[in-house]
Amino acid sequence: MSGQFGLYVRHTLKEGAADAFDRLVAVAAKGIRNEPGTLVYVSHAVEGQPNVRVFYELYRDREAFDEHERQEHTRHFLTEREALVVSIEVDWLTPVTGKTW
């Protein structure tokens, strides 16, 4: 796990924006699948909170995250999500122990 870098991102969505947000994520995910340094990128719905989406992201290292941020599909997602969210909270993570793929 040495060097790995992660994020926990909580998106609180505008009322009625969940479907559009999920479609936007699905488009971005197609490009993200081809990023060799992106180890995990998963969007989660939260039980009982239909206007919340939580992402868990794990990268090989900080450089892989920086490369992810430079990608056109990521930049498009970051720009377009602004119209769909009320707030975004980000926790920067350093893996300590566990299992990765």
PDB file of N, CA and C in Angstrom:
ATOM      1  N   MET A   1       0.823  -1.201   0.000  1.00  0.00           N
ATOM      2  CA  MET A   1       0.000   0.000   0.000  1.00  0.00           C
ATOM      3  C   MET A   1       0.861   1.257   0.000  1.00  0.00           C
ATOM      4  N   SER A   2       2.120   1.070   0.141  1.00  0.00           N
ATOM      5  CA  SER A   2       3.027   2.193   0.182  1.00  0.00           C
ATOM      6  C   SER A   2       2.859   3.082  -1.041  1.00  0.00           C
ATOM      7  N   GLY A   3       2.663   4.354  -0.810  1.00  0.00           N
ATOM      8  CA  GLY A   3       2.536   5.315  -1.888  1.00  0.00           C
ATOM      9  C   GLY A   3       1.130   5.501  -2.413  1.00  0.00           C
ATOM     10  N   GLN A   4       0.221   4.572  -2.103  1.00  0.00           N
ATOM     11  CA  GLN A   4      -1.130   4.726  -2.617  1.00  0.00           C
ATOM     12  C   GLN A   4      -1.783   5.966  -2.018  1.00  0.00           C
ATOM     13  N   PHE A   5      -2.768   6.474  -2.751  1.00  0.00           N
ATOM     14  CA  PHE A   5      -3.379   7.751  -2.415  1.00  0.00           C
ATOM     15  C   PHE A   5      -4.872   7.629  -2.679  1.00  0.00           C
ATOM     16  N   GLY A   6      -5.713   8.064  -1.747  1.00  0.00           N
ATOM     17  CA  GLY A   6      -7.145   7.908  -1.937  1.00  0.00           C
ATOM     18  C   GLY A   6      -7.943   9.147  -1.594  1.00  0.00           C
ATOM     19  N   LEU A   7      -9.212   9.108  -2.003  1.00  0.00           N
ATOM     20  CA  LEU A   7     -10.152  10.177  -1.701  1.00  0.00           C
ATOM     21  C   LEU A   7     -11.490   9.563  -1.328  1.00  0.00           C
ATOM     22  N   TYR A   8     -12.170  10.234  -0.429  1.00  0.00           N
ATOM     23  CA  TYR A   8     -13.568   9.971  -0.105  1.00  0.00           C
ATOM     24  C   TYR A   8     -14.276  11.278  -0.422  1.00  0.00           C
ATOM     25  N   VAL A   9     -15.197  11.247  -1.383  1.00  0.00           N
ATOM     26  CA  VAL A   9     -15.860  12.472  -1.826  1.00  0.00           C
ATOM     27  C   VAL A   9     -17.363  12.307  -1.645  1.00  0.00           C
ATOM     28  N   ARG A  10     -17.968  13.231  -0.922  1.00  0.00           N
ATOM     29  CA  ARG A  10     -19.416  13.201  -0.685  1.00  0.00           C
ATOM     30  C   ARG A  10     -20.058  14.340  -1.466  1.00  0.00           C
ATOM     31  N   HIS A  11     -20.939  13.976  -2.389  1.00  0.00           N
ATOM     32  CA  HIS A  11     -21.691  14.951  -3.183  1.00  0.00           C
ATOM     33  C   HIS A  11     -23.118  15.001  -2.654  1.00  0.00           C
ATOM     34  N   THR A  12     -23.561  16.161  -2.236  1.00  0.00           N
ATOM     35  CA  THR A  12     -24.969  16.364  -1.924  1.00  0.00           C
ATOM     36  C   THR A  12     -25.579  17.022  -3.154  1.00  0.00           C
ATOM     37  N   LEU A  13     -26.556  16.337  -3.737  1.00  0.00           N
ATOM     38  CA  LEU A  13     -27.112  16.748  -5.022  1.00  0.00           C
ATOM     39  C   LEU A  13     -28.341  17.627  -4.849  1.00  0.00           C
ATOM     40  N   LYS A  14     -28.592  18.435  -5.859  1.00  0.00           N
ATOM     41  CA  LYS A  14     -29.824  19.215  -5.902  1.00  0.00           C
ATOM     42  C   LYS A  14     -31.001  18.253  -6.035  1.00  0.00           C
ATOM     43  N   GLU A  15     -32.136  18.668  -5.532  1.00  0.00           N
ATOM     44  CA  GLU A  15     -33.351  17.856  -5.636  1.00  0.00           C
ATOM     45  C   GLU A  15     -33.618  17.520  -7.109  1.00  0.00           C
ATOM     46  N   GLY A  16     -33.808  16.250  -7.403  1.00  0.00           N
ATOM     47  CA  GLY A  16     -34.108  15.808  -8.755  1.00  0.00           C
ATOM     48  C   GLY A  16     -32.905  15.645  -9.671  1.00  0.00           C
ATOM     49  N   ALA A  17     -31.695  15.827  -9.170  1.00  0.00           N
ATOM     50  CA  ALA A  17     -30.497  15.774 -10.015  1.00  0.00           C
ATOM     51  C   ALA A  17     -29.800  14.417 -10.018  1.00  0.00           C
ATOM     52  N   ALA A  18     -30.276  13.472  -9.243  1.00  0.00           N
ATOM     53  CA  ALA A  18     -29.554  12.200  -9.083  1.00  0.00           C
ATOM     54  C   ALA A  18     -29.369  11.457 -10.402  1.00  0.00           C
ATOM     55  N   ASP A  19     -30.414  11.359 -11.207  1.00  0.00           N
ATOM     56  CA  ASP A  19     -30.293  10.619 -12.470  1.00  0.00           C
ATOM     57  C   ASP A  19     -29.290  11.278 -13.405  1.00  0.00           C
ATOM     58  N   ALA A  20     -29.346  12.585 -13.523  1.00  0.00           N
ATOM     59  CA  ALA A  20     -28.400  13.302 -14.385  1.00  0.00           C
ATOM     60  C   ALA A  20     -26.975  13.151 -13.862  1.00  0.00           C
ATOM     61  N   PHE A  21     -26.806  13.211 -12.551  1.00  0.00           N
ATOM     62  CA  PHE A  21     -25.480  13.045 -11.960  1.00  0.00           C
ATOM     63  C   PHE A  21     -24.949  11.643 -12.244  1.00  0.00           C
ATOM     64  N   ASP A  22     -25.784  10.632 -12.060  1.00  0.00           N
ATOM     65  CA  ASP A  22     -25.355   9.252 -12.301  1.00  0.00           C
ATOM     66  C   ASP A  22     -24.979   9.039 -13.763  1.00  0.00           C
ATOM     67  N   ARG A  23     -25.704   9.659 -14.685  1.00  0.00           N
ATOM     68  CA  ARG A  23     -25.353   9.562 -16.107  1.00  0.00           C
ATOM     69  C   ARG A  23     -24.006  10.230 -16.374  1.00  0.00           C
ATOM     70  N   LEU A  24     -23.775  11.376 -15.754  1.00  0.00           N
ATOM     71  CA  LEU A  24     -22.505  12.083 -15.912  1.00  0.00           C
ATOM     72  C   LEU A  24     -21.348  11.235 -15.395  1.00  0.00           C
ATOM     73  N   VAL A  25     -21.538  10.600 -14.255  1.00  0.00           N
ATOM     74  CA  VAL A  25     -20.510   9.723 -13.694  1.00  0.00           C
ATOM     75  C   VAL A  25     -20.257   8.541 -14.629  1.00  0.00           C
ATOM     76  N   ALA A  26     -21.308   7.969 -15.185  1.00  0.00           N
ATOM     77  CA  ALA A  26     -21.151   6.814 -16.078  1.00  0.00           C
ATOM     78  C   ALA A  26     -20.321   7.172 -17.303  1.00  0.00           C
ATOM     79  N   VAL A  27     -20.503   8.350 -17.838  1.00  0.00           N
ATOM     80  CA  VAL A  27     -19.708   8.792 -18.985  1.00  0.00           C
ATOM     81  C   VAL A  27     -18.245   8.932 -18.582  1.00  0.00           C
ATOM     82  N   ALA A  28     -17.994   9.579 -17.460  1.00  0.00           N
ATOM     83  CA  ALA A  28     -16.613   9.749 -16.989  1.00  0.00           C
ATOM     84  C   ALA A  28     -15.956   8.399 -16.713  1.00  0.00           C
ATOM     85  N   ALA A  29     -16.719   7.475 -16.151  1.00  0.00           N
ATOM     86  CA  ALA A  29     -16.167   6.170 -15.779  1.00  0.00           C
ATOM     87  C   ALA A  29     -15.628   5.412 -16.984  1.00  0.00           C
ATOM     88  N   LYS A  30     -16.208   5.622 -18.157  1.00  0.00           N
ATOM     89  CA  LYS A  30     -15.701   4.960 -19.361  1.00  0.00           C
ATOM     90  C   LYS A  30     -14.248   5.339 -19.618  1.00  0.00           C
ATOM     91  N   GLY A  31     -13.909   6.599 -19.443  1.00  0.00           N
ATOM     92  CA  GLY A  31     -12.523   7.031 -19.607  1.00  0.00           C
ATOM     93  C   GLY A  31     -11.645   6.616 -18.446  1.00  0.00           C
ATOM     94  N   ILE A  32     -12.191   6.663 -17.257  1.00  0.00           N
ATOM     95  CA  ILE A  32     -11.425   6.323 -16.055  1.00  0.00           C
ATOM     96  C   ILE A  32     -10.972   4.870 -16.094  1.00  0.00           C
ATOM     97  N   ARG A  33     -11.773   3.992 -16.675  1.00  0.00           N
ATOM     98  CA  ARG A  33     -11.409   2.569 -16.768  1.00  0.00           C
ATOM     99  C   ARG A  33     -10.082   2.358 -17.479  1.00  0.00           C
ATOM    100  N   ASN A  34      -9.684   3.306 -18.323  1.00  0.00           N
ATOM    101  CA  ASN A  34      -8.440   3.186 -19.085  1.00  0.00           C
ATOM    102  C   ASN A  34      -7.245   3.855 -18.407  1.00  0.00           C
ATOM    103  N   GLU A  35      -7.426   4.376 -17.229  1.00  0.00           N
ATOM    104  CA  GLU A  35      -6.327   5.024 -16.509  1.00  0.00           C
ATOM    105  C   GLU A  35      -5.558   3.967 -15.714  1.00  0.00           C
ATOM    106  N   PRO A  36      -4.329   3.669 -16.094  1.00  0.00           N
ATOM    107  CA  PRO A  36      -3.595   2.595 -15.414  1.00  0.00           C
ATOM    108  C   PRO A  36      -3.312   2.875 -13.936  1.00  0.00           C
ATOM    109  N   GLY A  37      -3.203   4.131 -13.546  1.00  0.00           N
ATOM    110  CA  GLY A  37      -2.892   4.460 -12.165  1.00  0.00           C
ATOM    111  C   GLY A  37      -4.092   4.589 -11.256  1.00  0.00           C
ATOM    112  N   THR A  38      -5.303   4.525 -11.842  1.00  0.00           N
ATOM    113  CA  THR A  38      -6.522   4.569 -11.043  1.00  0.00           C
ATOM    114  C   THR A  38      -6.890   3.142 -10.681  1.00  0.00           C
ATOM    115  N   LEU A  39      -6.741   2.803  -9.404  1.00  0.00           N
ATOM    116  CA  LEU A  39      -6.955   1.435  -8.946  1.00  0.00           C
ATOM    117  C   LEU A  39      -8.410   1.156  -8.618  1.00  0.00           C
ATOM    118  N   VAL A  40      -9.089   2.128  -8.005  1.00  0.00           N
ATOM    119  CA  VAL A  40     -10.502   1.997  -7.647  1.00  0.00           C
ATOM    120  C   VAL A  40     -11.161   3.360  -7.847  1.00  0.00           C
ATOM    121  N   TYR A  41     -12.319   3.343  -8.486  1.00  0.00           N
ATOM    122  CA  TYR A  41     -13.121   4.566  -8.641  1.00  0.00           C
ATOM    123  C   TYR A  41     -14.572   4.119  -8.646  1.00  0.00           C
ATOM    124  N   VAL A  42     -15.253   4.292  -7.526  1.00  0.00           N
ATOM    125  CA  VAL A  42     -16.609   3.781  -7.376  1.00  0.00           C
ATOM    126  C   VAL A  42     -17.507   4.871  -6.814  1.00  0.00           C
ATOM    127  N   SER A  43     -18.650   5.055  -7.471  1.00  0.00           N
ATOM    128  CA  SER A  43     -19.675   5.963  -6.978  1.00  0.00           C
ATOM    129  C   SER A  43     -20.727   5.125  -6.259  1.00  0.00           C
ATOM    130  N   HIS A  44     -21.094   5.547  -5.067  1.00  0.00           N
ATOM    131  CA  HIS A  44     -22.058   4.811  -4.246  1.00  0.00           C
ATOM    132  C   HIS A  44     -23.289   5.678  -3.986  1.00  0.00           C
ATOM    133  N   ALA A  45     -24.469   5.070  -4.073  1.00  0.00           N
ATOM    134  CA  ALA A  45     -25.681   5.692  -3.548  1.00  0.00           C
ATOM    135  C   ALA A  45     -25.702   5.397  -2.051  1.00  0.00           C
ATOM    136  N   VAL A  46     -26.311   6.281  -1.282  1.00  0.00           N
ATOM    137  CA  VAL A  46     -26.371   6.127   0.168  1.00  0.00           C
ATOM    138  C   VAL A  46     -27.797   5.762   0.566  1.00  0.00           C
ATOM    139  N   GLU A  47     -27.935   4.653   1.252  1.00  0.00           N
ATOM    140  CA  GLU A  47     -29.255   4.176   1.655  1.00  0.00           C
ATOM    141  C   GLU A  47     -30.003   5.251   2.450  1.00  0.00           C
ATOM    142  N   GLY A  48     -31.235   5.536   2.033  1.00  0.00           N
ATOM    143  CA  GLY A  48     -32.067   6.505   2.732  1.00  0.00           C
ATOM    144  C   GLY A  48     -31.742   7.957   2.430  1.00  0.00           C
ATOM    145  N   GLN A  49     -30.752   8.207   1.544  1.00  0.00           N
ATOM    146  CA  GLN A  49     -30.368   9.578   1.190  1.00  0.00           C
ATOM    147  C   GLN A  49     -30.275   9.677  -0.339  1.00  0.00           C
ATOM    148  N   PRO A  50     -31.396   9.796  -1.024  1.00  0.00           N
ATOM    149  CA  PRO A  50     -31.394   9.744  -2.492  1.00  0.00           C
ATOM    150  C   PRO A  50     -30.626  10.868  -3.169  1.00  0.00           C
ATOM    151  N   ASN A  51     -30.350  11.943  -2.453  1.00  0.00           N
ATOM    152  CA  ASN A  51     -29.616  13.067  -3.040  1.00  0.00           C
ATOM    153  C   ASN A  51     -28.155  13.093  -2.628  1.00  0.00           C
ATOM    154  N   VAL A  52     -27.629  11.942  -2.237  1.00  0.00           N
ATOM    155  CA  VAL A  52     -26.220  11.862  -1.850  1.00  0.00           C
ATOM    156  C   VAL A  52     -25.536  10.780  -2.671  1.00  0.00           C
ATOM    157  N   ARG A  53     -24.350  11.090  -3.148  1.00  0.00           N
ATOM    158  CA  ARG A  53     -23.482  10.119  -3.791  1.00  0.00           C
ATOM    159  C   ARG A  53     -22.114  10.237  -3.134  1.00  0.00           C
ATOM    160  N   VAL A  54     -21.541   9.085  -2.834  1.00  0.00           N
ATOM    161  CA  VAL A  54     -20.223   9.033  -2.205  1.00  0.00           C
ATOM    162  C   VAL A  54     -19.276   8.299  -3.140  1.00  0.00           C
ATOM    163  N   PHE A  55     -18.125   8.891  -3.378  1.00  0.00           N
ATOM    164  CA  PHE A  55     -17.101   8.251  -4.210  1.00  0.00           C
ATOM    165  C   PHE A  55     -15.988   7.736  -3.309  1.00  0.00           C
ATOM    166  N   TYR A  56     -15.485   6.562  -3.649  1.00  0.00           N
ATOM    167  CA  TYR A  56     -14.218   6.092  -3.088  1.00  0.00           C
ATOM    168  C   TYR A  56     -13.273   5.956  -4.266  1.00  0.00           C
ATOM    169  N   GLU A  57     -12.141   6.619  -4.160  1.00  0.00           N
ATOM    170  CA  GLU A  57     -11.145   6.613  -5.225  1.00  0.00           C
ATOM    171  C   GLU A  57      -9.803   6.197  -4.636  1.00  0.00           C
ATOM    172  N   LEU A  58      -9.096   5.317  -5.332  1.00  0.00           N
ATOM    173  CA  LEU A  58      -7.769   4.886  -4.905  1.00  0.00           C
ATOM    174  C   LEU A  58      -6.842   4.918  -6.099  1.00  0.00           C
ATOM    175  N   TYR A  59      -5.714   5.566  -5.914  1.00  0.00           N
ATOM    176  CA  TYR A  59      -4.730   5.738  -6.978  1.00  0.00           C
ATOM    177  C   TYR A  59      -3.407   5.101  -6.576  1.00  0.00           C
ATOM    178  N   ARG A  60      -2.637   4.703  -7.583  1.00  0.00           N
ATOM    179  CA  ARG A  60      -1.322   4.096  -7.357  1.00  0.00           C
ATOM    180  C   ARG A  60      -0.442   5.015  -6.505  1.00  0.00           C
ATOM    181  N   ASP A  61      -0.522   6.310  -6.786  1.00  0.00           N
ATOM    182  CA  ASP A  61       0.253   7.313  -6.061  1.00  0.00           C
ATOM    183  C   ASP A  61      -0.291   8.689  -6.421  1.00  0.00           C
ATOM    184  N   ARG A  62       0.291   9.722  -5.849  1.00  0.00           N
ATOM    185  CA  ARG A  62      -0.191  11.087  -6.097  1.00  0.00           C
ATOM    186  C   ARG A  62      -0.050  11.470  -7.577  1.00  0.00           C
ATOM    187  N   GLU A  63       0.994  11.003  -8.218  1.00  0.00           N
ATOM    188  CA  GLU A  63       1.179  11.297  -9.642  1.00  0.00           C
ATOM    189  C   GLU A  63       0.031  10.720 -10.476  1.00  0.00           C
ATOM    190  N   ALA A  64      -0.428   9.522 -10.133  1.00  0.00           N
ATOM    191  CA  ALA A  64      -1.555   8.914 -10.852  1.00  0.00           C
ATOM    192  C   ALA A  64      -2.822   9.749 -10.657  1.00  0.00           C
ATOM    193  N   PHE A  65      -3.031  10.264  -9.450  1.00  0.00           N
ATOM    194  CA  PHE A  65      -4.178  11.137  -9.209  1.00  0.00           C
ATOM    195  C   PHE A  65      -4.062  12.407 -10.049  1.00  0.00           C
ATOM    196  N   ASP A  66      -2.883  13.006 -10.060  1.00  0.00           N
ATOM    197  CA  ASP A  66      -2.685  14.222 -10.847  1.00  0.00           C
ATOM    198  C   ASP A  66      -2.950  13.960 -12.331  1.00  0.00           C
ATOM    199  N   GLU A  67      -2.531  12.807 -12.829  1.00  0.00           N
ATOM    200  CA  GLU A  67      -2.785  12.442 -14.226  1.00  0.00           C
ATOM    201  C   GLU A  67      -4.292  12.273 -14.463  1.00  0.00           C
ATOM    202  N   HIS A  68      -4.974  11.653 -13.521  1.00  0.00           N
ATOM    203  CA  HIS A  68      -6.436  11.502 -13.592  1.00  0.00           C
ATOM    204  C   HIS A  68      -7.105  12.875 -13.707  1.00  0.00           C
ATOM    205  N   GLU A  69      -6.658  13.823 -12.927  1.00  0.00           N
ATOM    206  CA  GLU A  69      -7.251  15.164 -12.926  1.00  0.00           C
ATOM    207  C   GLU A  69      -7.028  15.895 -14.247  1.00  0.00           C
ATOM    208  N   ARG A  70      -5.981  15.540 -14.980  1.00  0.00           N
ATOM    209  CA  ARG A  70      -5.688  16.196 -16.261  1.00  0.00           C
ATOM    210  C   ARG A  70      -6.510  15.634 -17.427  1.00  0.00           C
ATOM    211  N   GLN A  71      -7.149  14.509 -17.253  1.00  0.00           N
ATOM    212  CA  GLN A  71      -7.872  13.854 -18.344  1.00  0.00           C
ATOM    213  C   GLN A  71      -9.123  14.641 -18.743  1.00  0.00           C
ATOM    214  N   GLU A  72      -9.412  14.640 -20.030  1.00  0.00           N
ATOM    215  CA  GLU A  72     -10.578  15.369 -20.547  1.00  0.00           C
ATOM    216  C   GLU A  72     -11.868  14.876 -19.908  1.00  0.00           C
ATOM    217  N   HIS A  73     -12.037  13.568 -19.743  1.00  0.00           N
ATOM    218  CA  HIS A  73     -13.274  13.043 -19.155  1.00  0.00           C
ATOM    219  C   HIS A  73     -13.430  13.494 -17.697  1.00  0.00           C
ATOM    220  N   THR A  74     -12.331  13.623 -16.980  1.00  0.00           N
ATOM    221  CA  THR A  74     -12.392  14.108 -15.596  1.00  0.00           C
ATOM    222  C   THR A  74     -12.716  15.597 -15.563  1.00  0.00           C
ATOM    223  N   ARG A  75     -12.043  16.361 -16.400  1.00  0.00           N
ATOM    224  CA  ARG A  75     -12.303  17.808 -16.430  1.00  0.00           C
ATOM    225  C   ARG A  75     -13.753  18.093 -16.816  1.00  0.00           C
ATOM    226  N   HIS A  76     -14.284  17.314 -17.775  1.00  0.00           N
ATOM    227  CA  HIS A  76     -15.682  17.476 -18.174  1.00  0.00           C
ATOM    228  C   HIS A  76     -16.602  17.191 -16.984  1.00  0.00           C
ATOM    229  N   PHE A  77     -16.351  16.085 -16.275  1.00  0.00           N
ATOM    230  CA  PHE A  77     -17.164  15.745 -15.115  1.00  0.00           C
ATOM    231  C   PHE A  77     -17.114  16.858 -14.065  1.00  0.00           C
ATOM    232  N   LEU A  78     -15.923  17.321 -13.734  1.00  0.00           N
ATOM    233  CA  LEU A  78     -15.777  18.340 -12.693  1.00  0.00           C
ATOM    234  C   LEU A  78     -16.508  19.629 -13.046  1.00  0.00           C
ATOM    235  N   THR A  79     -16.504  19.988 -14.316  1.00  0.00           N
ATOM    236  CA  THR A  79     -17.209  21.196 -14.766  1.00  0.00           C
ATOM    237  C   THR A  79     -18.723  21.005 -14.736  1.00  0.00           C
ATOM    238  N   GLU A  80     -19.189  19.902 -15.303  1.00  0.00           N
ATOM    239  CA  GLU A  80     -20.621  19.670 -15.445  1.00  0.00           C
ATOM    240  C   GLU A  80     -21.320  19.360 -14.120  1.00  0.00           C
ATOM    241  N   ARG A  81     -20.615  18.787 -13.170  1.00  0.00           N
ATOM    242  CA  ARG A  81     -21.268  18.435 -11.901  1.00  0.00           C
ATOM    243  C   ARG A  81     -21.701  19.671 -11.124  1.00  0.00           C
ATOM    244  N   GLU A  82     -21.074  20.797 -11.379  1.00  0.00           N
ATOM    245  CA  GLU A  82     -21.377  22.018 -10.628  1.00  0.00           C
ATOM    246  C   GLU A  82     -22.856  22.392 -10.712  1.00  0.00           C
ATOM    247  N   ALA A  83     -23.486  22.112 -11.841  1.00  0.00           N
ATOM    248  CA  ALA A  83     -24.906  22.442 -12.010  1.00  0.00           C
ATOM    249  C   ALA A  83     -25.817  21.472 -11.260  1.00  0.00           C
ATOM    250  N   LEU A  84     -25.253  20.375 -10.739  1.00  0.00           N
ATOM    251  CA  LEU A  84     -26.059  19.309 -10.143  1.00  0.00           C
ATOM    252  C   LEU A  84     -25.905  19.170  -8.633  1.00  0.00           C
ATOM    253  N   VAL A  85     -24.930  19.867  -8.057  1.00  0.00           N
ATOM    254  CA  VAL A  85     -24.626  19.651  -6.641  1.00  0.00           C
ATOM    255  C   VAL A  85     -24.929  20.873  -5.781  1.00  0.00           C
ATOM    256  N   VAL A  86     -25.240  20.576  -4.523  1.00  0.00           N
ATOM    257  CA  VAL A  86     -25.406  21.613  -3.501  1.00  0.00           C
ATOM    258  C   VAL A  86     -24.082  21.803  -2.771  1.00  0.00           C
ATOM    259  N   SER A  87     -23.422  20.669  -2.472  1.00  0.00           N
ATOM    260  CA  SER A  87     -22.143  20.751  -1.773  1.00  0.00           C
ATOM    261  C   SER A  87     -21.286  19.528  -2.093  1.00  0.00           C
ATOM    262  N   ILE A  88     -19.981  19.709  -1.897  1.00  0.00           N
ATOM    263  CA  ILE A  88     -19.004  18.641  -2.111  1.00  0.00           C
ATOM    264  C   ILE A  88     -18.050  18.657  -0.928  1.00  0.00           C
ATOM    265  N   GLU A  89     -17.861  17.511  -0.312  1.00  0.00           N
ATOM    266  CA  GLU A  89     -16.905  17.373   0.789  1.00  0.00           C
ATOM    267  C   GLU A  89     -15.861  16.339   0.366  1.00  0.00           C
ATOM    268  N   VAL A  90     -14.590  16.658   0.563  1.00  0.00           N
ATOM    269  CA  VAL A  90     -13.509  15.762   0.165  1.00  0.00           C
ATOM    270  C   VAL A  90     -12.631  15.452   1.369  1.00  0.00           C
ATOM    271  N   ASP A  91     -12.401  14.161   1.585  1.00  0.00           N
ATOM    272  CA  ASP A  91     -11.410  13.717   2.564  1.00  0.00           C
ATOM    273  C   ASP A  91     -10.277  13.054   1.788  1.00  0.00           C
ATOM    274  N   TRP A  92      -9.052  13.492   2.046  1.00  0.00           N
ATOM    275  CA  TRP A  92      -7.864  12.946   1.407  1.00  0.00           C
ATOM    276  C   TRP A  92      -7.376  11.792   2.276  1.00  0.00           C
ATOM    277  N   LEU A  93      -7.127  10.645   1.675  1.00  0.00           N
ATOM    278  CA  LEU A  93      -6.854   9.417   2.426  1.00  0.00           C
ATOM    279  C   LEU A  93      -5.472   8.855   2.128  1.00  0.00           C
ATOM    280  N   THR A  94      -4.841   8.337   3.165  1.00  0.00           N
ATOM    281  CA  THR A  94      -3.610   7.577   3.030  1.00  0.00           C
ATOM    282  C   THR A  94      -3.879   6.180   3.555  1.00  0.00           C
ATOM    283  N   PRO A  95      -3.903   5.172   2.668  1.00  0.00           N
ATOM    284  CA  PRO A  95      -4.172   3.816   3.137  1.00  0.00           C
ATOM    285  C   PRO A  95      -3.144   3.355   4.169  1.00  0.00           C
ATOM    286  N   VAL A  96      -3.635   2.679   5.196  1.00  0.00           N
ATOM    287  CA  VAL A  96      -2.767   2.178   6.253  1.00  0.00           C
ATOM    288  C   VAL A  96      -2.623   0.653   6.142  1.00  0.00           C
ATOM    289  N   THR A  97      -3.756  -0.043   6.040  1.00  0.00           N
ATOM    290  CA  THR A  97      -3.729  -1.495   5.905  1.00  0.00           C
ATOM    291  C   THR A  97      -5.023  -1.956   5.250  1.00  0.00           C
ATOM    292  N   GLY A  98      -5.017  -3.140   4.705  1.00  0.00           N
ATOM    293  CA  GLY A  98      -6.211  -3.681   4.087  1.00  0.00           C
ATOM    294  C   GLY A  98      -5.876  -4.463   2.834  1.00  0.00           C
ATOM    295  N   LYS A  99      -6.864  -4.645   1.988  1.00  0.00           N
ATOM    296  CA  LYS A  99      -6.707  -5.396   0.750  1.00  0.00           C
ATOM    297  C   LYS A  99      -7.020  -4.507  -0.439  1.00  0.00           C
ATOM    298  N   THR A 100      -6.174  -4.533  -1.428  1.00  0.00           N
ATOM    299  CA  THR A 100      -6.458  -3.878  -2.707  1.00  0.00           C
ATOM    300  C   THR A 100      -6.309  -4.932  -3.800  1.00  0.00           C
ATOM    301  N   TRP A 101      -6.744  -4.550  -5.006  1.00  0.00           N
ATOM    302  CA  TRP A 101      -6.692  -5.502  -6.108  1.00  0.00           C
ATOM    303  C   TRP A 101      -5.471  -5.280  -6.937  1.00  0.00           C
TER     304      TRP A 101
END
